[in-house]
Protein backbone atom coordinates (compact mmCIF):
# COMPACT_ATOMS: atom_id res chain seq x y z
CA PHE A 1 0.07 0.05 -0.01
CA ILE A 2 1.30 3.49 -1.17
CA GLN A 3 1.36 6.45 1.12
CA PRO A 4 0.65 9.71 -0.30
CA LYS A 5 3.42 12.30 0.08
CA LYS A 6 2.77 14.67 2.90
CA VAL A 7 2.57 18.40 1.79
CA ASN A 8 4.23 20.77 4.10
CA LYS A 9 2.23 23.96 3.42
CA PRO A 10 3.50 26.08 6.25
CA LYS A 11 7.08 25.52 5.57
CA ASN A 12 6.41 26.57 1.57
CA ALA A 13 4.29 29.61 2.97
CA THR A 14 7.32 30.77 5.05
CA LYS A 15 9.79 30.40 2.18
CA ILE A 16 7.63 32.59 -0.18
CA LEU A 17 6.95 35.19 2.56
CA LEU A 18 10.75 35.18 3.17
CA VAL A 19 11.61 35.66 -0.70
CA LEU A 20 8.93 38.62 -0.87
CA ILE A 21 10.39 40.19 2.10
CA VAL A 22 13.97 40.05 0.54
CA LEU A 23 12.73 41.26 -2.68
CA VAL A 24 10.66 44.17 -1.12
CA THR A 25 13.77 45.09 0.86
CA ILE A 26 15.96 45.10 -2.39
CA ALA A 27 13.54 47.23 -4.26
CA ILE A 28 13.44 49.86 -1.23
CA ILE A 29 17.04 49.93 -1.22
CA ALA A 30 17.33 50.50 -5.05
CA ILE A 31 14.80 53.20 -4.88
CA ILE A 32 16.60 54.91 -2.21
CA CYS A 33 19.95 54.84 -4.01
CA ILE A 34 18.29 56.13 -7.10
CA MET A 35 16.62 59.05 -5.37
CA ALA A 36 20.15 59.90 -3.67
CA ALA A 37 21.64 59.84 -7.20
CA LEU A 38 19.04 61.92 -8.76
CA LYS A 39 18.94 64.47 -5.86
CA LYS A 40 20.47 67.76 -7.12
CA ASP A 41 23.08 69.43 -5.00
CA PRO A 42 21.49 72.42 -3.10
CA PHE A 43 22.10 75.83 -4.59
CA ARG A 44 25.10 77.63 -2.92
CA VAL A 45 26.95 81.03 -3.33
CA THR A 46 30.18 81.54 -1.82
CA LEU A 47 32.07 84.83 -1.39
CA ASP A 48 35.77 84.69 -0.83
CA GLY A 49 35.42 80.75 -0.20
CA GLU A 50 32.65 81.14 2.38
CA ALA A 51 29.02 80.19 2.01
CA ASN A 52 26.86 83.43 1.93
CA ALA A 53 23.21 82.83 2.15
CA GLU A 54 22.54 86.48 2.21
CA ILE A 55 23.94 87.13 -1.34
CA LYS A 56 22.14 83.89 -2.51
CA GLN A 57 18.79 85.67 -1.27
CA LEU A 58 19.85 88.77 -3.21
CA LEU A 59 20.09 87.23 -6.64
CA LEU A 60 17.45 86.96 -9.12
CA ILE A 61 17.73 83.42 -10.94
CA GLU A 62 15.48 82.23 -13.71
CA GLU A 63 16.81 79.04 -15.05
CA ASP A 64 20.44 79.76 -16.04
CA ASP A 65 20.00 83.62 -15.97
CA VAL A 66 21.33 85.36 -13.08
CA LYS A 67 20.83 89.05 -12.30
CA VAL A 68 22.55 90.71 -9.35
CA PRO A 69 21.27 93.85 -7.66
CA ILE A 70 23.70 96.48 -7.61
CA LYS A 71 23.19 98.55 -4.61
CA GLU A 72 22.42 95.47 -2.60
CA ILE A 73 25.61 93.40 -3.60
CA ALA A 74 27.88 96.50 -3.07
CA PRO A 75 28.58 96.27 0.48
CA TYR A 76 29.43 92.61 0.38
CA LEU A 77 32.04 93.60 -2.15
CA GLY A 78 33.62 96.60 -0.36
CA TYR A 79 31.61 99.30 -1.85
CA SER A 80 29.01 101.91 -0.66
CA ALA A 81 26.06 102.36 -2.89
CA TYR A 82 23.82 105.44 -3.65
CA ASN A 83 20.97 106.47 -6.03
CA GLY A 84 21.67 109.00 -8.80
CA ASP A 85 24.87 109.85 -10.59
CA TYR A 86 28.20 110.47 -8.81
CA ILE A 87 29.31 113.58 -10.77
CA ASN A 88 25.79 115.25 -11.41
CA LYS A 89 24.34 114.55 -7.86
CA SER A 90 20.80 113.44 -7.82
CA GLU A 91 18.37 110.82 -6.37
CA GLU A 92 17.32 109.39 -9.68
CA THR A 93 16.29 105.90 -9.05
CA ASP A 94 17.15 104.86 -12.72
CA LYS A 95 20.81 105.65 -11.90
CA CYS A 96 23.00 104.47 -9.05
CA TYR A 97 26.67 104.73 -8.34
CA VAL A 98 29.15 102.68 -6.08
CA GLU A 99 32.04 103.88 -4.19
CA SER A 100 35.14 102.52 -2.71
CA LYS A 101 38.37 104.17 -1.69
CA ASN A 102 39.96 103.42 -5.02
CA GLU A 103 37.09 104.00 -7.51
CA ILE A 104 33.49 105.19 -8.29
CA VAL A 105 31.40 103.31 -10.67
CA ASN A 106 28.05 104.93 -12.23
CA PHE A 107 25.36 102.71 -13.66
CA VAL A 108 22.33 103.73 -15.72
CA ALA A 109 19.43 101.75 -16.55
CA ASN A 110 19.09 100.23 -20.03
CA SER A 111 22.76 101.07 -20.57
CA ASN A 112 25.44 98.61 -21.46
CA LYS A 113 28.17 101.13 -20.39
CA ILE A 114 29.47 101.81 -16.94
CA GLU A 115 31.72 104.84 -16.03
CA LYS A 116 34.67 104.19 -13.55
CA ILE A 117 35.99 107.22 -11.91
CA ASN A 118 39.35 107.47 -10.17
CA PRO A 119 38.47 109.57 -6.93
CA SER A 120 42.02 110.94 -6.50
CA THR A 121 42.26 112.33 -10.07
CA MET A 122 38.65 112.46 -11.22
CA GLU A 123 39.43 110.78 -14.46
CA SER A 124 36.94 108.42 -15.87
CA SER A 125 36.88 105.73 -18.10
CA TYR A 126 33.86 103.96 -19.83
CA TYR A 127 33.52 100.32 -20.13
CA GLU A 128 31.10 97.99 -22.02
CA ILE A 129 29.19 95.38 -20.14
CA ASP A 130 27.74 92.33 -21.76
CA GLU A 131 24.07 93.24 -21.15
CA PRO A 132 22.43 96.54 -20.16
CA VAL A 133 21.57 97.47 -16.62
CA LYS A 134 17.99 96.55 -15.95
CA MET A 135 15.40 97.98 -13.64
CA ILE A 136 13.32 95.28 -12.08
CA SER A 137 10.84 96.26 -9.31
CA GLY A 138 12.53 99.46 -8.69
CA LYS A 139 16.02 98.03 -8.15
CA LEU A 140 18.91 98.19 -10.70
CA TYR A 141 20.39 94.89 -11.82
CA ILE A 142 23.43 93.79 -13.64
CA SER A 143 24.80 90.62 -15.11
CA PRO A 144 27.50 88.44 -13.45
CA LYS A 145 29.84 89.36 -16.21
CA GLY A 146 28.88 93.05 -15.79
CA MET A 147 29.35 92.60 -11.90
CA SER A 148 32.87 91.21 -12.55
CA LYS A 149 33.78 94.40 -14.57
CA ALA A 150 32.14 96.85 -12.34
CA PHE A 151 33.31 95.51 -9.04
CA ASN A 152 36.52 93.95 -9.92
CA VAL A 153 35.48 90.39 -8.81
CA TYR A 154 35.96 86.95 -10.09
CA TYR A 155 32.51 85.35 -10.75
CA GLU A 156 32.00 81.46 -11.66
CA TYR A 157 28.83 79.64 -12.04
CA ASN A 158 29.45 75.83 -11.70
CA LYS A 159 26.24 74.25 -13.01
CA ALA A 160 27.32 70.67 -12.22
CA LYS A 161 27.81 71.58 -8.50
CA ASN A 162 24.93 74.12 -8.43
CA LYS A 163 27.23 76.69 -7.12
CA ILE A 164 28.22 80.32 -7.69
CA ILE A 165 31.64 81.34 -6.78
CA ILE A 166 32.51 85.04 -6.27
CA GLN A 167 35.85 86.23 -5.12
CA THR A 168 37.06 89.91 -4.81
CA ILE A 169 40.43 90.59 -6.38
CA LEU A 170 42.34 90.90 -3.10
CA ASN A 171 41.17 87.49 -2.11
CA ARG A 172 41.80 86.01 -5.43
CA VAL A 173 45.43 87.34 -5.52
CA ILE A 174 46.08 85.98 -2.15
CA ARG A 175 44.52 82.49 -3.25
CA ILE A 176 46.90 82.53 -6.31
CA ILE A 177 49.95 83.43 -4.13
CA GLN A 178 49.05 80.51 -1.94
CA VAL A 179 48.75 78.07 -4.86
CA MET A 180 52.04 79.28 -6.13
CA ARG A 181 53.84 78.62 -2.93
CA VAL A 182 52.49 75.09 -2.73
CA VAL A 183 53.78 74.62 -6.28
CA THR A 184 56.90 75.97 -5.65
CA SER A 185 57.55 74.01 -2.32
CA ARG A 186 56.69 70.82 -4.35
CA VAL A 187 59.14 71.67 -7.09
CA THR A 188 62.02 72.56 -4.72
CA ARG A 189 61.66 69.16 -2.84
């Protein structure tokens, strides 16, 4: 007489449940990894190597187009800012100037020229900038390249790192000297 095989249903159900748990765990880990890889770096702005959330808040950014508010950025770059024209004093809001101990820079809305004045000689020079100064919501804005020329700063937008780097000339020179010292010390070893 042949005995029928006993089917152990509880063991099979346990195995299936264990396999499902492992597959769900692998799927969750894969989703977390994919989300981490797709997550974009947070947007950052640095001034002279230090993160600066205040400047980040000042900038007007639409896609890859960045605009910098002239009077608002000036104090961060070592300048004072005023309404109007430096030579013909006024309070016109479609003009402004920034002043440091070494220079004065005049800006006019809708113009792609800036005037730089040497305060000790009062000699002026005109420079063309890449885009006209724009009046937006009562403030004058300039492009990053225009800011570089007007304020004598280095500007870089690193799209891959989602980061804007601004360096004042003095800080840039110090950084170059530091790099040169490192290179020179390696060469002389």
